[in-house]
Amino acid sequence: MAAEGHTLTSTEYIQHHLTNMTYGKMPDGTWKLAESAEEAHAMGFTAIHLDSMAWSIGLGIIFCLLFWIVAKAANSGVPTKFQSAIEMIIEFVDTSVRDTFHGKSRLVAPLALTIFVWVFLMNLMDLIPVDWIPYLAQQVGAHVFGMDPHHVYFKIVPSTDPNITLGMSMSVFALIIFYSLREKGVGGFVGELALNPFNPKNPILKALFIPINLILELVTFIARPISLALRLFGNMYAGELIFILIALLPFYIQWALAVPWAIFHILVITLQAFIFMMLTVVYLSMASEKH
């Protein structure tokens, strides 16, 4: 990828592909699209990654549309291959939830299905050659909006953006708190954090161990959504970076490396969607256990 009159170095090429299209407020008070990674960082918490938001919302709409079409066309006769594939996914997720979630909730199974398919679709974008859509975005930016192609950033894999993975995990975290309070009450939830793992029978020792228990349990409790988000982000970010490094090689070598890695990556993107779904179900199951 090259800007007008400027060929990117390997370092610039990698940095360009790893930078999001960011809109936010600069320190001088102006709102603008970032023209470099440094400007994006300077925007701080006012920054929003437009590409990650657009792709994640768009893929969510595609997911809902596909399942709505199948549900509307479903019949008791011989199903189509696409309907059979969707039914297999639903049955797989439903079986996983029944085997893992030990509480009672109408929300968990639909939530697990949404997470699995949505995360899988986001991960699947990593199989599109790294230059195709960003190059198209550069041409649109240059010829439609008059932008410098070198300043047009466009990432297409939402799960390589920690803001997206942390956003999903924080939603799961909110559900964990909700289920814990619903099943155990405020006293039971606080007691679970304050009286574990050390719970001596002596009242004085019990009181002394409460601060220690709170520190240990709160660290573990808060680590759940963070680890859930960073696990998905780290694996997908590493996979994307390998594709970018392969794209730096001569064209006749790229396919020899990219095709085997893409085939292996199909397993990675599916496994990461499954892990995110299963850990969500496990955490909600733990939150629903009254004992």
Protein backbone atom coordinates (compact mmCIF):
# COMPACT_ATOMS: atom_id res chain seq x y z
CA MET A 1 0.00 0.00 0.00
CA ALA A 2 1.42 3.36 -0.90
CA ALA A 3 0.37 6.90 -0.33
CA GLU A 4 0.60 9.54 -3.00
CA GLY A 5 4.30 9.78 -3.89
CA HIS A 6 5.35 7.74 -0.88
CA THR A 7 5.98 4.01 -0.54
CA LEU A 8 5.49 2.73 2.99
CA THR A 9 8.37 1.08 4.77
CA SER A 10 7.76 -2.27 6.46
CA THR A 11 7.35 -0.57 9.85
CA GLU A 12 4.94 2.03 8.46
CA TYR A 13 2.99 -0.68 6.63
CA ILE A 14 2.53 -2.73 9.83
CA GLN A 15 1.64 0.34 11.88
CA HIS A 16 -0.85 1.48 9.24
CA HIS A 17 -2.64 -1.88 9.28
CA LEU A 18 -2.78 -1.94 13.09
CA THR A 19 -4.27 1.56 13.43
CA ASN A 20 -8.02 2.05 13.66
CA MET A 21 -10.07 4.74 11.95
CA THR A 22 -10.42 6.94 15.02
CA TYR A 23 -12.67 9.94 15.57
CA GLY A 24 -12.40 12.03 18.69
CA LYS A 25 -11.53 15.27 20.44
CA MET A 26 -8.00 16.61 20.16
CA PRO A 27 -6.29 18.38 23.10
CA ASP A 28 -6.98 21.73 21.41
CA GLY A 29 -10.73 21.02 21.52
CA THR A 30 -11.30 20.19 17.85
CA TRP A 31 -13.13 17.03 16.76
CA LYS A 32 -11.60 15.20 13.81
CA LEU A 33 -10.52 11.91 12.25
CA ALA A 34 -7.07 10.95 13.46
CA GLU A 35 -4.41 11.19 10.76
CA SER A 36 -1.86 9.12 12.67
CA ALA A 37 -1.56 6.69 15.55
CA GLU A 38 -0.13 9.53 17.68
CA GLU A 39 -3.23 11.68 17.09
CA ALA A 40 -5.47 8.72 17.95
CA HIS A 41 -3.67 8.25 21.25
CA ALA A 42 -3.91 11.98 22.00
CA MET A 43 -7.73 11.80 21.80
CA GLY A 44 -7.86 9.69 24.95
CA PHE A 45 -11.26 8.52 26.16
CA THR A 46 -13.16 10.68 23.67
CA ALA A 47 -11.91 8.51 20.79
CA ILE A 48 -14.21 6.06 19.04
CA HIS A 49 -13.01 3.46 16.56
CA LEU A 50 -15.44 3.95 13.69
CA ASP A 51 -14.27 0.89 11.73
CA SER A 52 -14.59 -1.51 14.67
CA MET A 53 -18.04 -0.16 15.56
CA ALA A 54 -19.28 -0.31 11.96
CA TRP A 55 -18.05 -3.86 11.34
CA SER A 56 -19.25 -5.24 14.67
CA ILE A 57 -22.73 -3.70 14.26
CA GLY A 58 -22.88 -4.72 10.59
CA LEU A 59 -21.90 -8.31 11.36
CA GLY A 60 -24.46 -8.39 14.17
CA ILE A 61 -27.14 -7.29 11.70
CA ILE A 62 -26.01 -9.98 9.24
CA PHE A 63 -26.23 -12.59 12.01
CA CYS A 64 -29.77 -11.54 12.93
CA LEU A 65 -30.83 -11.36 9.28
CA LEU A 66 -29.51 -14.84 8.41
CA PHE A 67 -31.21 -16.47 11.40
CA TRP A 68 -34.45 -14.54 10.73
CA ILE A 69 -34.49 -15.75 7.11
CA VAL A 70 -33.95 -19.35 8.20
CA ALA A 71 -36.60 -19.11 10.93
CA LYS A 72 -39.12 -17.61 8.51
CA ALA A 73 -38.47 -20.26 5.83
CA ALA A 74 -38.29 -23.22 8.23
CA ASN A 75 -40.74 -26.05 7.55
CA SER A 76 -41.36 -29.59 8.70
CA GLY A 77 -40.31 -31.03 5.34
CA VAL A 78 -36.81 -31.62 4.03
CA PRO A 79 -34.65 -28.70 5.22
CA THR A 80 -32.22 -26.88 2.97
CA LYS A 81 -28.49 -27.28 3.56
CA PHE A 82 -28.31 -23.78 5.02
CA GLN A 83 -31.22 -24.48 7.36
CA SER A 84 -29.55 -27.72 8.44
CA ALA A 85 -26.31 -25.87 9.18
CA ILE A 86 -28.13 -23.27 11.30
CA GLU A 87 -30.02 -25.99 13.16
CA MET A 88 -26.75 -27.80 13.87
CA ILE A 89 -25.28 -24.61 15.36
CA ILE A 90 -28.36 -24.04 17.53
CA GLU A 91 -28.38 -27.65 18.72
CA PHE A 92 -24.66 -27.53 19.47
CA VAL A 93 -24.98 -24.35 21.54
CA ASP A 94 -28.12 -25.60 23.30
CA THR A 95 -26.41 -28.86 24.28
CA SER A 96 -23.36 -26.97 25.56
CA VAL A 97 -25.54 -24.69 27.69
CA ARG A 98 -27.59 -27.59 29.11
CA ASP A 99 -24.39 -29.41 30.11
CA THR A 100 -22.77 -26.35 31.68
CA PHE A 101 -25.41 -24.00 33.08
CA HIS A 102 -27.03 -25.39 36.21
CA GLY A 103 -29.46 -22.59 36.96
CA LYS A 104 -32.76 -21.59 35.39
CA SER A 105 -32.81 -18.77 32.86
CA ARG A 106 -34.37 -18.12 29.47
CA LEU A 107 -31.60 -15.64 28.66
CA VAL A 108 -28.47 -17.80 28.82
CA ALA A 109 -29.03 -20.03 25.77
CA PRO A 110 -29.93 -17.15 23.38
CA LEU A 111 -27.04 -15.15 24.82
CA ALA A 112 -24.63 -18.05 24.24
CA LEU A 113 -25.85 -18.47 20.66
CA THR A 114 -25.46 -14.73 20.00
CA ILE A 115 -21.95 -14.66 21.43
CA PHE A 116 -20.78 -17.74 19.53
CA VAL A 117 -22.07 -16.68 16.10
CA TRP A 118 -21.28 -12.98 16.49
CA VAL A 119 -17.71 -13.55 17.70
CA PHE A 120 -17.21 -16.19 14.99
CA LEU A 121 -18.29 -13.72 12.28
CA MET A 122 -16.00 -11.03 13.67
CA ASN A 123 -13.09 -13.48 13.77
CA LEU A 124 -13.92 -14.71 10.28
CA MET A 125 -13.04 -11.30 8.84
CA ASP A 126 -9.41 -12.17 9.55
CA LEU A 127 -9.45 -14.56 6.58
CA ILE A 128 -9.98 -11.74 4.07
CA PRO A 129 -6.60 -10.74 2.54
CA VAL A 130 -5.21 -7.88 4.61
CA ASP A 131 -4.91 -5.35 1.77
CA TRP A 132 -8.19 -5.79 -0.08
CA ILE A 133 -10.71 -3.81 1.97
CA PRO A 134 -8.20 -1.28 3.44
CA TYR A 135 -7.06 -0.51 -0.12
CA LEU A 136 -10.67 -0.01 -1.21
CA ALA A 137 -11.17 2.31 1.79
CA GLN A 138 -8.09 4.28 0.75
CA GLN A 139 -9.45 4.77 -2.76
CA VAL A 140 -12.84 5.90 -1.45
CA GLY A 141 -11.16 8.28 0.98
CA ALA A 142 -8.91 9.71 -1.72
CA HIS A 143 -11.41 10.05 -4.58
CA VAL A 144 -14.64 10.74 -2.69
CA PHE A 145 -13.49 12.69 0.37
CA GLY A 146 -10.20 14.07 -0.96
CA MET A 147 -8.15 12.52 1.83
CA ASP A 148 -4.49 11.53 1.75
CA PRO A 149 -4.54 7.72 1.30
CA HIS A 150 -1.73 7.40 3.83
CA HIS A 151 -4.06 8.89 6.47
CA VAL A 152 -6.95 6.52 5.76
CA TYR A 153 -6.99 3.75 8.37
CA PHE A 154 -9.49 0.91 8.17
CA LYS A 155 -9.31 -2.28 10.23
CA ILE A 156 -11.91 -4.94 9.45
CA VAL A 157 -11.49 -7.44 12.32
CA PRO A 158 -13.41 -6.09 15.34
CA SER A 159 -12.09 -8.79 17.69
CA THR A 160 -8.54 -7.42 17.23
CA ASP A 161 -9.70 -4.22 18.92
CA PRO A 162 -9.51 -4.48 22.74
CA ASN A 163 -12.30 -1.90 23.02
CA ILE A 164 -14.71 -4.33 21.35
CA THR A 165 -13.64 -7.40 23.33
CA LEU A 166 -13.66 -5.46 26.61
CA GLY A 167 -17.08 -4.04 25.78
CA MET A 168 -18.50 -7.53 25.31
CA SER A 169 -16.79 -8.87 28.44
CA MET A 170 -18.06 -5.95 30.55
CA SER A 171 -21.59 -6.77 29.41
CA VAL A 172 -21.01 -10.33 30.60
CA PHE A 173 -19.60 -8.94 33.86
CA ALA A 174 -22.78 -6.92 34.41
CA LEU A 175 -24.83 -10.09 33.90
CA ILE A 176 -22.63 -11.96 36.40
CA ILE A 177 -23.37 -9.32 39.04
CA PHE A 178 -27.08 -9.35 38.16
CA TYR A 179 -27.37 -13.15 38.47
CA SER A 180 -25.35 -13.16 41.68
CA LEU A 181 -27.61 -10.56 43.30
CA ARG A 182 -30.77 -12.22 41.99
CA GLU A 183 -29.91 -15.70 43.26
CA LYS A 184 -28.02 -14.87 46.47
CA GLY A 185 -29.19 -11.43 47.45
CA VAL A 186 -26.92 -8.59 48.51
CA GLY A 187 -25.94 -10.33 51.75
CA GLY A 188 -25.18 -13.63 50.08
CA PHE A 189 -23.17 -11.98 47.30
CA VAL A 190 -21.11 -9.88 49.73
CA GLY A 191 -20.70 -12.88 52.04
CA GLU A 192 -19.40 -14.96 49.16
CA LEU A 193 -16.68 -12.38 48.57
CA ALA A 194 -15.92 -11.73 52.25
CA LEU A 195 -15.94 -15.27 53.67
CA ASN A 196 -13.95 -17.16 51.03
CA PRO A 197 -11.45 -18.77 50.77
CA PHE A 198 -10.64 -18.43 54.50
CA ASN A 199 -13.62 -18.95 56.81
CA PRO A 200 -12.47 -20.03 60.29
CA LYS A 201 -15.05 -20.82 62.94
CA ASN A 202 -13.55 -18.45 65.47
CA PRO A 203 -15.45 -15.11 65.14
CA ILE A 204 -12.35 -13.00 65.83
CA LEU A 205 -10.28 -14.83 63.21
CA LYS A 206 -13.20 -14.67 60.80
CA ALA A 207 -13.36 -10.90 61.17
CA LEU A 208 -9.60 -10.60 60.70
CA PHE A 209 -9.70 -12.65 57.50
CA ILE A 210 -12.55 -10.66 55.90
CA PRO A 211 -10.27 -7.93 54.42
CA ILE A 212 -7.88 -10.59 53.10
CA ASN A 213 -10.76 -12.54 51.57
CA LEU A 214 -12.18 -9.41 49.96
CA ILE A 215 -8.85 -8.58 48.33
CA LEU A 216 -8.35 -12.12 47.03
CA GLU A 217 -11.91 -12.60 45.81
CA LEU A 218 -12.26 -9.15 44.25
CA VAL A 219 -9.06 -9.65 42.28
CA THR A 220 -10.36 -13.00 41.03
CA PHE A 221 -13.81 -11.54 40.35
CA ILE A 222 -12.54 -8.55 38.37
CA ALA A 223 -10.00 -10.69 36.51
CA ARG A 224 -12.79 -12.71 34.88
CA PRO A 225 -14.01 -10.10 32.37
CA ILE A 226 -10.49 -8.78 31.77
CA SER A 227 -9.07 -12.23 31.00
CA LEU A 228 -12.14 -13.05 28.91
CA ALA A 229 -11.54 -9.98 26.74
CA LEU A 230 -7.75 -10.18 26.51
CA ARG A 231 -7.76 -13.88 25.61
CA LEU A 232 -9.89 -13.24 22.53
CA PHE A 233 -8.06 -10.03 21.63
CA GLY A 234 -4.58 -11.54 22.06
CA ASN A 235 -5.21 -14.60 19.92
CA MET A 236 -6.89 -12.69 17.11
CA TYR A 237 -4.37 -9.83 17.19
CA ALA A 238 -1.50 -12.32 16.88
CA GLY A 239 -3.22 -14.05 13.96
CA GLU A 240 -3.80 -10.74 12.18
CA LEU A 241 -0.18 -9.70 12.73
CA ILE A 242 1.05 -12.93 11.12
CA PHE A 243 -1.11 -12.26 8.05
CA ILE A 244 0.36 -8.74 7.85
CA LEU A 245 3.92 -10.06 8.09
CA ILE A 246 3.20 -12.60 5.35
CA ALA A 247 1.85 -9.78 3.15
CA LEU A 248 5.26 -8.09 3.33
CA LEU A 249 6.88 -11.03 1.53
CA PRO A 250 7.16 -11.35 -2.26
CA PHE A 251 3.85 -12.35 -3.87
CA TYR A 252 5.04 -15.79 -5.00
CA ILE A 253 5.93 -16.67 -1.38
CA GLN A 254 2.81 -15.19 0.21
CA TRP A 255 0.40 -17.87 -1.00
CA ALA A 256 2.70 -20.69 0.13
CA LEU A 257 2.50 -19.36 3.69
CA ALA A 258 -0.87 -17.61 3.76
CA VAL A 259 -2.98 -20.57 2.62
CA PRO A 260 -1.74 -23.06 5.29
CA TRP A 261 -1.98 -20.37 7.97
CA ALA A 262 -5.52 -19.46 6.85
CA ILE A 263 -6.59 -23.11 7.01
CA PHE A 264 -5.16 -23.44 10.51
CA HIS A 265 -6.70 -20.09 11.44
CA ILE A 266 -10.18 -21.46 10.72
CA LEU A 267 -9.69 -23.66 13.78
CA VAL A 268 -8.44 -20.68 15.81
CA ILE A 269 -11.36 -18.38 15.01
CA THR A 270 -13.89 -21.13 15.77
CA LEU A 271 -12.15 -22.16 18.97
CA GLN A 272 -11.93 -18.58 20.24
CA ALA A 273 -15.65 -18.03 19.64
CA PHE A 274 -16.41 -21.28 21.48
CA ILE A 275 -14.14 -20.39 24.42
CA PHE A 276 -15.70 -16.93 24.80
CA MET A 277 -19.17 -18.50 24.76
CA MET A 278 -18.33 -21.33 27.19
CA LEU A 279 -16.57 -19.10 29.72
CA THR A 280 -19.58 -16.77 29.67
CA VAL A 281 -21.90 -19.69 30.41
CA VAL A 282 -19.56 -21.02 33.12
CA TYR A 283 -19.34 -17.63 34.85
CA LEU A 284 -23.12 -17.19 34.75
CA SER A 285 -23.58 -20.72 36.08
CA MET A 286 -21.22 -19.95 38.99
CA ALA A 287 -23.14 -16.75 39.68
CA SER A 288 -26.43 -18.69 39.78
CA GLU A 289 -25.26 -21.27 42.33
CA LYS A 290 -26.76 -20.44 45.71
CA HIS A 291 -24.39 -22.62 47.71
